[in-house]
């Protein structure tokens, strides 16, 4: 599912050694990297979409996926992205949309970034009819995206999933 101005989406992994205890296992983050054209879609709009299509108040969980791999996080490449992420987080928290729940989304620098396994690339397109996870977890998020951000979605992705 692409928004207008999104040039490339890729599934990736960031592995970070445990800074508190070197003897502890390396932390692994599942990441969706978004390459975009800021002349067409702003980072602020992409962050609005991010906050709206997942639950930023769930610690170490997104839907049925549980564990630190699935925590809500934004990884920035530069200070401008960090400032934008922090500002959007503050705005969303104060918007009232979350009622009394607090955002637990981590905002951290991107480190040790590498492509995820090939089966993670274009996962929904490859598995939407064969894996029950897709219609149960991903399709509702696509519906939410289309409902709230239809004008930002590329026309070729506006068909019902």
N, C-alpha and C. Protein backbone atom coordinates (compact mmCIF):
# COMPACT_ATOMS: atom_id res chain seq x y z
N UNK A 1 0.86 -1.17 0.00
CA UNK A 1 0.00 0.00 0.00
C UNK A 1 0.90 1.22 0.00
N UNK A 2 0.83 2.01 -1.03
CA UNK A 2 1.70 3.17 -1.15
C UNK A 2 0.91 4.47 -1.14
N UNK A 3 1.45 5.44 -0.45
CA UNK A 3 0.92 6.80 -0.50
C UNK A 3 1.59 7.51 -1.67
N UNK A 4 0.90 8.45 -2.25
CA UNK A 4 1.51 9.24 -3.31
C UNK A 4 2.76 9.89 -2.77
N UNK A 5 3.84 9.84 -3.54
CA UNK A 5 5.10 10.40 -3.11
C UNK A 5 6.03 9.39 -2.47
N UNK A 6 5.50 8.21 -2.12
CA UNK A 6 6.35 7.15 -1.57
C UNK A 6 7.02 6.46 -2.74
N UNK A 7 8.33 6.45 -2.73
CA UNK A 7 9.11 5.90 -3.83
C UNK A 7 9.42 4.43 -3.63
N UNK A 8 9.66 4.03 -2.39
CA UNK A 8 10.02 2.64 -2.12
C UNK A 8 9.73 2.29 -0.67
N UNK A 9 9.19 1.09 -0.49
CA UNK A 9 9.00 0.52 0.84
C UNK A 9 9.83 -0.75 0.90
N UNK A 10 10.56 -0.95 1.96
CA UNK A 10 11.30 -2.20 2.10
C UNK A 10 11.30 -2.64 3.55
N UNK A 11 11.18 -3.94 3.74
CA UNK A 11 11.24 -4.52 5.08
C UNK A 11 12.69 -4.71 5.44
N UNK A 12 13.04 -4.29 6.63
CA UNK A 12 14.43 -4.33 7.06
C UNK A 12 14.51 -4.71 8.53
N UNK A 13 15.73 -4.93 8.95
CA UNK A 13 16.01 -5.28 10.33
C UNK A 13 17.14 -4.40 10.82
N UNK A 14 17.02 -3.93 12.03
CA UNK A 14 18.12 -3.21 12.67
C UNK A 14 18.50 -4.03 13.89
N UNK A 15 19.76 -4.38 13.99
CA UNK A 15 20.25 -5.16 15.13
C UNK A 15 21.13 -4.27 15.97
N UNK A 16 20.81 -4.19 17.25
CA UNK A 16 21.54 -3.32 18.17
C UNK A 16 21.96 -4.15 19.37
N UNK A 17 23.24 -4.10 19.70
CA UNK A 17 23.69 -4.82 20.89
C UNK A 17 23.12 -4.15 22.13
N UNK A 18 22.91 -4.93 23.14
CA UNK A 18 22.35 -4.42 24.38
C UNK A 18 23.40 -3.55 25.07
N UNK A 19 23.13 -2.25 25.15
CA UNK A 19 24.10 -1.31 25.71
C UNK A 19 24.22 -1.43 27.23
N UNK A 20 23.18 -1.89 27.88
CA UNK A 20 23.21 -1.98 29.33
C UNK A 20 24.02 -3.19 29.80
N UNK A 21 23.96 -4.25 29.03
CA UNK A 21 24.69 -5.45 29.40
C UNK A 21 25.19 -6.14 28.14
N UNK A 22 26.48 -6.08 27.86
CA UNK A 22 27.02 -6.70 26.66
C UNK A 22 26.78 -8.21 26.59
N UNK A 23 26.49 -8.83 27.73
CA UNK A 23 26.23 -10.26 27.75
C UNK A 23 24.82 -10.61 27.31
N UNK A 24 23.96 -9.62 27.26
CA UNK A 24 22.58 -9.84 26.85
C UNK A 24 22.50 -9.96 25.33
N UNK A 25 21.48 -10.65 24.81
CA UNK A 25 21.38 -10.82 23.36
C UNK A 25 21.15 -9.49 22.64
N UNK A 26 21.49 -9.50 21.37
CA UNK A 26 21.29 -8.34 20.52
C UNK A 26 19.80 -8.11 20.32
N UNK A 27 19.38 -6.87 20.40
CA UNK A 27 17.98 -6.51 20.14
C UNK A 27 17.76 -6.46 18.64
N UNK A 28 16.60 -6.88 18.21
CA UNK A 28 16.28 -6.90 16.78
C UNK A 28 15.00 -6.10 16.59
N UNK A 29 15.01 -5.21 15.63
CA UNK A 29 13.83 -4.39 15.33
C UNK A 29 13.39 -4.70 13.90
N UNK A 30 12.13 -4.99 13.72
CA UNK A 30 11.58 -5.13 12.37
C UNK A 30 11.18 -3.73 11.92
N UNK A 31 11.66 -3.34 10.76
CA UNK A 31 11.49 -1.95 10.31
C UNK A 31 10.93 -1.92 8.90
N UNK A 32 10.03 -0.99 8.67
CA UNK A 32 9.61 -0.67 7.31
C UNK A 32 10.29 0.64 6.96
N UNK A 33 11.18 0.58 5.99
CA UNK A 33 11.88 1.79 5.55
C UNK A 33 11.05 2.44 4.45
N UNK A 34 10.83 3.73 4.58
CA UNK A 34 10.03 4.49 3.62
C UNK A 34 10.93 5.52 2.95
N UNK A 35 11.13 5.35 1.66
CA UNK A 35 11.83 6.36 0.85
C UNK A 35 10.74 7.16 0.16
N UNK A 36 10.82 8.50 0.27
CA UNK A 36 9.72 9.32 -0.25
C UNK A 36 10.25 10.59 -0.89
N UNK A 37 9.40 11.18 -1.71
CA UNK A 37 9.71 12.45 -2.36
C UNK A 37 9.04 13.56 -1.56
N UNK A 38 9.80 14.37 -0.82
CA UNK A 38 9.20 15.41 0.02
C UNK A 38 8.49 16.51 -0.78
N UNK A 39 8.70 16.54 -2.09
CA UNK A 39 7.96 17.49 -2.94
C UNK A 39 6.51 17.04 -3.13
N UNK A 40 6.25 15.74 -2.91
CA UNK A 40 4.91 15.19 -3.11
C UNK A 40 4.21 14.89 -1.79
N UNK A 41 4.95 14.33 -0.85
CA UNK A 41 4.38 14.03 0.48
C UNK A 41 5.41 14.40 1.54
N UNK A 42 4.95 15.06 2.55
CA UNK A 42 5.86 15.53 3.60
C UNK A 42 6.12 14.44 4.64
N UNK A 43 7.22 14.60 5.34
CA UNK A 43 7.50 13.70 6.46
C UNK A 43 6.38 13.84 7.50
N UNK A 44 5.89 15.04 7.71
CA UNK A 44 4.81 15.26 8.67
C UNK A 44 3.57 14.43 8.31
N UNK A 45 3.22 14.38 7.03
CA UNK A 45 2.05 13.59 6.60
C UNK A 45 2.31 12.09 6.79
N UNK A 46 3.53 11.64 6.46
CA UNK A 46 3.86 10.23 6.68
C UNK A 46 3.78 9.87 8.16
N UNK A 47 4.20 10.78 9.02
CA UNK A 47 4.10 10.54 10.45
C UNK A 47 2.63 10.53 10.90
N UNK A 48 1.79 11.38 10.34
CA UNK A 48 0.35 11.34 10.64
C UNK A 48 -0.22 9.96 10.30
N UNK A 49 0.17 9.44 9.15
CA UNK A 49 -0.29 8.10 8.73
C UNK A 49 0.22 7.06 9.72
N UNK A 50 1.48 7.15 10.08
CA UNK A 50 2.07 6.21 11.04
C UNK A 50 1.26 6.14 12.33
N UNK A 51 0.96 7.30 12.91
CA UNK A 51 0.23 7.31 14.18
C UNK A 51 -1.17 6.74 14.02
N UNK A 52 -1.78 6.96 12.87
CA UNK A 52 -3.18 6.57 12.68
C UNK A 52 -3.39 5.09 12.39
N UNK A 53 -2.41 4.42 11.78
CA UNK A 53 -2.68 3.05 11.33
C UNK A 53 -2.15 1.96 12.25
N UNK A 54 -1.59 2.33 13.38
CA UNK A 54 -1.20 1.31 14.36
C UNK A 54 -1.45 1.85 15.77
N UNK A 55 -1.24 1.01 16.75
CA UNK A 55 -1.47 1.43 18.13
C UNK A 55 -0.14 1.80 18.78
N UNK A 56 0.13 3.11 18.91
CA UNK A 56 1.39 3.54 19.50
C UNK A 56 1.40 3.43 21.03
N UNK A 57 0.32 2.91 21.61
CA UNK A 57 0.25 2.78 23.07
C UNK A 57 0.52 1.35 23.54
N UNK A 58 0.70 0.42 22.62
CA UNK A 58 0.96 -0.97 22.98
C UNK A 58 2.45 -1.20 23.12
N UNK A 59 2.87 -1.60 24.30
CA UNK A 59 4.28 -1.87 24.54
C UNK A 59 4.63 -3.27 24.06
N UNK A 60 5.60 -3.36 23.15
CA UNK A 60 6.09 -4.63 22.65
C UNK A 60 5.00 -5.50 22.03
N UNK A 61 4.10 -4.85 21.29
CA UNK A 61 3.01 -5.60 20.67
C UNK A 61 2.38 -4.77 19.57
N UNK A 62 2.03 -5.44 18.47
CA UNK A 62 1.17 -4.87 17.44
C UNK A 62 0.22 -5.97 17.03
N UNK A 63 -1.04 -5.84 17.44
CA UNK A 63 -2.03 -6.88 17.15
C UNK A 63 -1.64 -8.18 17.83
N UNK A 64 -1.58 -9.25 17.03
CA UNK A 64 -1.24 -10.57 17.57
C UNK A 64 0.26 -10.78 17.70
N UNK A 65 1.07 -9.86 17.19
CA UNK A 65 2.52 -10.00 17.24
C UNK A 65 3.03 -9.43 18.56
N UNK A 66 3.72 -10.26 19.33
CA UNK A 66 4.17 -9.87 20.66
C UNK A 66 5.68 -10.05 20.77
N UNK A 67 6.32 -9.13 21.44
CA UNK A 67 7.75 -9.20 21.68
C UNK A 67 8.41 -7.88 21.32
N UNK A 68 9.64 -7.70 21.74
CA UNK A 68 10.31 -6.43 21.51
C UNK A 68 10.51 -6.15 20.02
N UNK A 69 10.51 -7.20 19.18
CA UNK A 69 10.60 -7.00 17.73
C UNK A 69 9.44 -6.14 17.22
N UNK A 70 8.32 -6.17 17.93
CA UNK A 70 7.07 -5.56 17.45
C UNK A 70 6.69 -4.29 18.18
N UNK A 71 7.63 -3.71 18.89
CA UNK A 71 7.30 -2.47 19.58
C UNK A 71 7.18 -1.33 18.56
N UNK A 72 6.45 -0.33 18.94
CA UNK A 72 6.27 0.85 18.10
C UNK A 72 7.54 1.69 18.17
N UNK A 73 8.10 2.00 17.01
CA UNK A 73 9.35 2.76 16.99
C UNK A 73 9.47 3.56 15.70
N UNK A 74 10.15 4.67 15.81
CA UNK A 74 10.54 5.48 14.66
C UNK A 74 12.06 5.61 14.73
N UNK A 75 12.73 5.23 13.66
CA UNK A 75 14.18 5.35 13.60
C UNK A 75 14.52 6.46 12.61
N UNK A 76 15.26 7.43 13.06
CA UNK A 76 15.58 8.58 12.24
C UNK A 76 17.00 8.50 11.72
N UNK A 77 17.21 9.16 10.57
CA UNK A 77 18.53 9.19 9.94
C UNK A 77 19.28 10.49 10.20
N UNK A 78 18.56 11.53 10.62
CA UNK A 78 19.22 12.82 10.87
C UNK A 78 18.41 13.61 11.91
N UNK A 79 18.97 14.71 12.33
CA UNK A 79 18.35 15.50 13.39
C UNK A 79 17.01 16.09 12.95
N UNK A 80 16.89 16.46 11.68
CA UNK A 80 15.62 17.00 11.17
C UNK A 80 14.50 15.96 11.32
N UNK A 81 14.78 14.70 11.00
CA UNK A 81 13.78 13.64 11.15
C UNK A 81 13.46 13.41 12.63
N UNK A 82 14.46 13.47 13.50
CA UNK A 82 14.24 13.28 14.94
C UNK A 82 13.29 14.36 15.46
N UNK A 83 13.58 15.61 15.12
CA UNK A 83 12.75 16.72 15.59
C UNK A 83 11.31 16.57 15.07
N UNK A 84 11.17 16.21 13.80
CA UNK A 84 9.83 16.03 13.22
C UNK A 84 9.08 14.90 13.92
N UNK A 85 9.77 13.80 14.21
CA UNK A 85 9.13 12.66 14.88
C UNK A 85 8.69 13.04 16.29
N UNK A 86 9.56 13.71 17.02
CA UNK A 86 9.21 14.11 18.38
C UNK A 86 8.04 15.10 18.39
N UNK A 87 8.05 16.03 17.46
CA UNK A 87 6.96 17.01 17.37
C UNK A 87 5.64 16.32 17.05
N UNK A 88 5.66 15.40 16.09
CA UNK A 88 4.42 14.72 15.71
C UNK A 88 3.92 13.84 16.85
N UNK A 89 4.84 13.22 17.57
CA UNK A 89 4.45 12.40 18.73
C UNK A 89 3.76 13.27 19.77
N UNK A 90 4.33 14.40 20.09
CA UNK A 90 3.74 15.32 21.07
C UNK A 90 2.36 15.80 20.61
N UNK A 91 2.24 16.13 19.32
CA UNK A 91 0.96 16.59 18.80
C UNK A 91 -0.10 15.51 18.86
N UNK A 92 0.28 14.28 18.49
CA UNK A 92 -0.70 13.19 18.52
C UNK A 92 -1.10 12.87 19.96
N UNK A 93 -0.13 12.87 20.87
CA UNK A 93 -0.44 12.60 22.28
C UNK A 93 -1.42 13.64 22.82
N UNK A 94 -1.23 14.90 22.47
CA UNK A 94 -2.08 15.96 23.02
C UNK A 94 -3.38 16.16 22.23
N UNK A 95 -3.57 15.42 21.15
CA UNK A 95 -4.76 15.58 20.31
C UNK A 95 -6.04 15.06 20.96
N UNK A 96 -5.90 14.19 21.95
CA UNK A 96 -7.07 13.59 22.58
C UNK A 96 -7.50 12.29 21.93
N UNK A 97 -6.90 11.93 20.81
CA UNK A 97 -7.28 10.71 20.09
C UNK A 97 -7.03 9.44 20.90
N UNK A 98 -6.11 9.51 21.84
CA UNK A 98 -5.74 8.32 22.61
C UNK A 98 -6.43 8.27 23.97
N UNK A 99 -7.28 9.23 24.24
CA UNK A 99 -7.94 9.38 25.53
C UNK A 99 -6.87 9.45 26.62
N UNK A 100 -6.88 8.55 27.57
CA UNK A 100 -5.92 8.62 28.68
C UNK A 100 -4.70 7.74 28.48
N UNK A 101 -4.58 7.10 27.34
CA UNK A 101 -3.43 6.21 27.10
C UNK A 101 -2.22 7.02 26.64
N UNK A 102 -1.04 6.57 26.99
CA UNK A 102 0.19 7.25 26.62
C UNK A 102 0.91 6.54 25.49
N UNK A 103 1.52 7.31 24.63
CA UNK A 103 2.33 6.78 23.55
C UNK A 103 3.60 6.18 24.13
N UNK A 104 3.93 4.95 23.70
CA UNK A 104 5.16 4.29 24.14
C UNK A 104 6.16 4.17 22.98
N UNK A 105 5.86 4.78 21.88
CA UNK A 105 6.71 4.71 20.69
C UNK A 105 8.12 5.24 20.99
N UNK A 106 9.08 4.42 20.66
CA UNK A 106 10.49 4.78 20.80
C UNK A 106 10.92 5.62 19.60
N UNK A 107 11.69 6.66 19.83
CA UNK A 107 12.27 7.45 18.74
C UNK A 107 13.78 7.41 18.94
N UNK A 108 14.47 6.72 18.02
CA UNK A 108 15.90 6.44 18.18
C UNK A 108 16.63 6.59 16.85
N UNK A 109 17.95 6.78 16.93
CA UNK A 109 18.72 6.82 15.68
C UNK A 109 18.75 5.45 15.01
N UNK A 110 18.77 5.45 13.71
CA UNK A 110 18.85 4.21 12.94
C UNK A 110 20.27 3.68 12.99
N UNK A 111 20.42 2.44 13.41
CA UNK A 111 21.74 1.82 13.53
C UNK A 111 21.71 0.43 12.90
N UNK A 112 22.84 0.01 12.36
CA UNK A 112 23.04 -1.35 11.86
C UNK A 112 21.84 -1.86 11.06
N UNK A 113 21.54 -1.16 10.02
CA UNK A 113 20.36 -1.38 9.20
C UNK A 113 20.68 -2.35 8.07
N UNK A 114 19.85 -3.37 7.89
CA UNK A 114 20.07 -4.34 6.81
C UNK A 114 18.74 -4.89 6.33
N UNK A 115 18.68 -5.35 5.08
CA UNK A 115 17.43 -5.90 4.55
C UNK A 115 16.98 -7.12 5.35
N UNK A 116 15.68 -7.23 5.52
CA UNK A 116 15.12 -8.43 6.15
C UNK A 116 15.17 -9.58 5.15
N UNK A 117 14.87 -10.76 5.63
CA UNK A 117 14.84 -11.94 4.78
C UNK A 117 13.89 -11.70 3.61
N UNK A 118 14.15 -12.36 2.50
CA UNK A 118 13.37 -12.12 1.27
C UNK A 118 11.88 -12.39 1.47
N UNK A 119 11.52 -13.36 2.31
CA UNK A 119 10.10 -13.65 2.49
C UNK A 119 9.36 -12.52 3.21
N UNK A 120 10.08 -11.58 3.81
CA UNK A 120 9.43 -10.42 4.44
C UNK A 120 9.14 -9.31 3.44
N UNK A 121 9.79 -9.31 2.28
CA UNK A 121 9.59 -8.26 1.29
C UNK A 121 8.23 -8.49 0.59
N UNK A 122 7.45 -7.43 0.46
CA UNK A 122 6.12 -7.51 -0.17
C UNK A 122 5.28 -8.63 0.43
N UNK A 123 5.34 -8.77 1.73
CA UNK A 123 4.71 -9.88 2.44
C UNK A 123 3.21 -9.97 2.16
N UNK A 124 2.54 -8.86 2.24
CA UNK A 124 1.09 -8.87 2.05
C UNK A 124 0.72 -9.33 0.64
N UNK A 125 1.37 -8.76 -0.36
CA UNK A 125 1.06 -9.14 -1.74
C UNK A 125 1.33 -10.61 -1.99
N UNK A 126 2.36 -11.15 -1.39
CA UNK A 126 2.71 -12.55 -1.60
C UNK A 126 1.86 -13.52 -0.79
N UNK A 127 1.28 -13.07 0.31
CA UNK A 127 0.62 -13.99 1.23
C UNK A 127 -0.83 -13.65 1.56
N UNK A 128 -1.39 -12.66 0.92
CA UNK A 128 -2.71 -12.19 1.34
C UNK A 128 -3.81 -13.24 1.23
N UNK A 129 -3.66 -14.21 0.32
CA UNK A 129 -4.70 -15.24 0.15
C UNK A 129 -4.30 -16.57 0.79
N UNK A 130 -3.04 -16.72 1.18
CA UNK A 130 -2.58 -18.01 1.70
C UNK A 130 -2.30 -18.01 3.20
N UNK A 131 -2.15 -16.85 3.80
CA UNK A 131 -1.83 -16.78 5.22
C UNK A 131 -2.94 -16.03 5.94
N UNK A 132 -3.64 -16.68 6.87
CA UNK A 132 -4.76 -16.03 7.58
C UNK A 132 -4.36 -14.75 8.31
N UNK A 133 -3.09 -14.59 8.63
CA UNK A 133 -2.60 -13.37 9.29
C UNK A 133 -2.94 -12.13 8.47
N UNK A 134 -2.82 -12.25 7.15
CA UNK A 134 -3.04 -11.08 6.29
C UNK A 134 -4.45 -10.51 6.40
N UNK A 135 -5.50 -11.32 6.16
CA UNK A 135 -6.85 -10.72 6.28
C UNK A 135 -7.24 -10.37 7.71
N UNK A 136 -6.65 -11.05 8.69
CA UNK A 136 -7.00 -10.77 10.08
C UNK A 136 -6.29 -9.54 10.64
N UNK A 137 -5.05 -9.30 10.24
CA UNK A 137 -4.25 -8.24 10.84
C UNK A 137 -3.95 -7.10 9.87
N UNK A 138 -3.49 -7.44 8.67
CA UNK A 138 -3.04 -6.40 7.75
C UNK A 138 -4.20 -5.73 7.02
N UNK A 139 -5.17 -6.50 6.53
CA UNK A 139 -6.28 -5.91 5.78
C UNK A 139 -7.03 -4.84 6.57
N UNK A 140 -7.31 -5.04 7.87
CA UNK A 140 -7.96 -3.95 8.62
C UNK A 140 -7.13 -2.67 8.66
N UNK A 141 -5.81 -2.80 8.70
CA UNK A 141 -4.95 -1.61 8.69
C UNK A 141 -5.03 -0.91 7.34
N UNK A 142 -5.13 -1.69 6.27
CA UNK A 142 -5.27 -1.10 4.94
C UNK A 142 -6.61 -0.36 4.84
N UNK A 143 -7.67 -0.97 5.37
CA UNK A 143 -8.97 -0.29 5.38
C UNK A 143 -8.90 1.03 6.15
N UNK A 144 -8.21 1.02 7.28
CA UNK A 144 -8.06 2.23 8.08
C UNK A 144 -7.30 3.30 7.29
N UNK A 145 -6.23 2.89 6.61
CA UNK A 145 -5.46 3.81 5.78
C UNK A 145 -6.33 4.42 4.69
N UNK A 146 -7.08 3.58 3.99
CA UNK A 146 -7.94 4.07 2.91
C UNK A 146 -9.04 4.99 3.43
N UNK A 147 -9.58 4.67 4.60
CA UNK A 147 -10.64 5.49 5.18
C UNK A 147 -10.13 6.87 5.57
N UNK A 148 -8.97 6.94 6.20
CA UNK A 148 -8.48 8.20 6.74
C UNK A 148 -7.59 9.00 5.79
N UNK A 149 -6.94 8.31 4.84
CA UNK A 149 -5.96 8.98 3.99
C UNK A 149 -6.15 8.65 2.52
N UNK A 150 -7.37 8.45 2.09
CA UNK A 150 -7.65 8.03 0.72
C UNK A 150 -7.02 8.96 -0.32
N UNK A 151 -7.05 10.26 -0.07
CA UNK A 151 -6.52 11.20 -1.07
C UNK A 151 -5.01 11.11 -1.19
N UNK A 152 -4.32 10.56 -0.19
CA UNK A 152 -2.87 10.42 -0.25
C UNK A 152 -2.41 9.09 -0.84
N UNK A 153 -3.34 8.16 -1.03
CA UNK A 153 -2.97 6.83 -1.52
C UNK A 153 -2.94 6.85 -3.04
N UNK A 154 -1.90 6.20 -3.60
CA UNK A 154 -1.81 6.09 -5.06
C UNK A 154 -3.05 5.40 -5.60
N UNK A 155 -3.53 5.87 -6.77
CA UNK A 155 -4.76 5.34 -7.34
C UNK A 155 -4.73 3.83 -7.53
N UNK A 156 -3.59 3.29 -7.94
CA UNK A 156 -3.53 1.84 -8.21
C UNK A 156 -3.68 0.99 -6.95
N UNK A 157 -3.61 1.61 -5.77
CA UNK A 157 -3.77 0.87 -4.52
C UNK A 157 -5.12 1.10 -3.87
N UNK A 158 -6.00 1.81 -4.53
CA UNK A 158 -7.28 2.15 -3.91
C UNK A 158 -8.33 1.05 -4.08
N UNK A 159 -8.01 -0.04 -4.78
CA UNK A 159 -8.97 -1.14 -4.88
C UNK A 159 -9.09 -1.79 -3.51
N UNK A 160 -10.24 -2.37 -3.27
CA UNK A 160 -10.49 -3.08 -2.01
C UNK A 160 -9.51 -4.25 -1.89
N UNK A 161 -8.80 -4.36 -0.77
CA UNK A 161 -7.86 -5.48 -0.63
C UNK A 161 -8.57 -6.81 -0.49
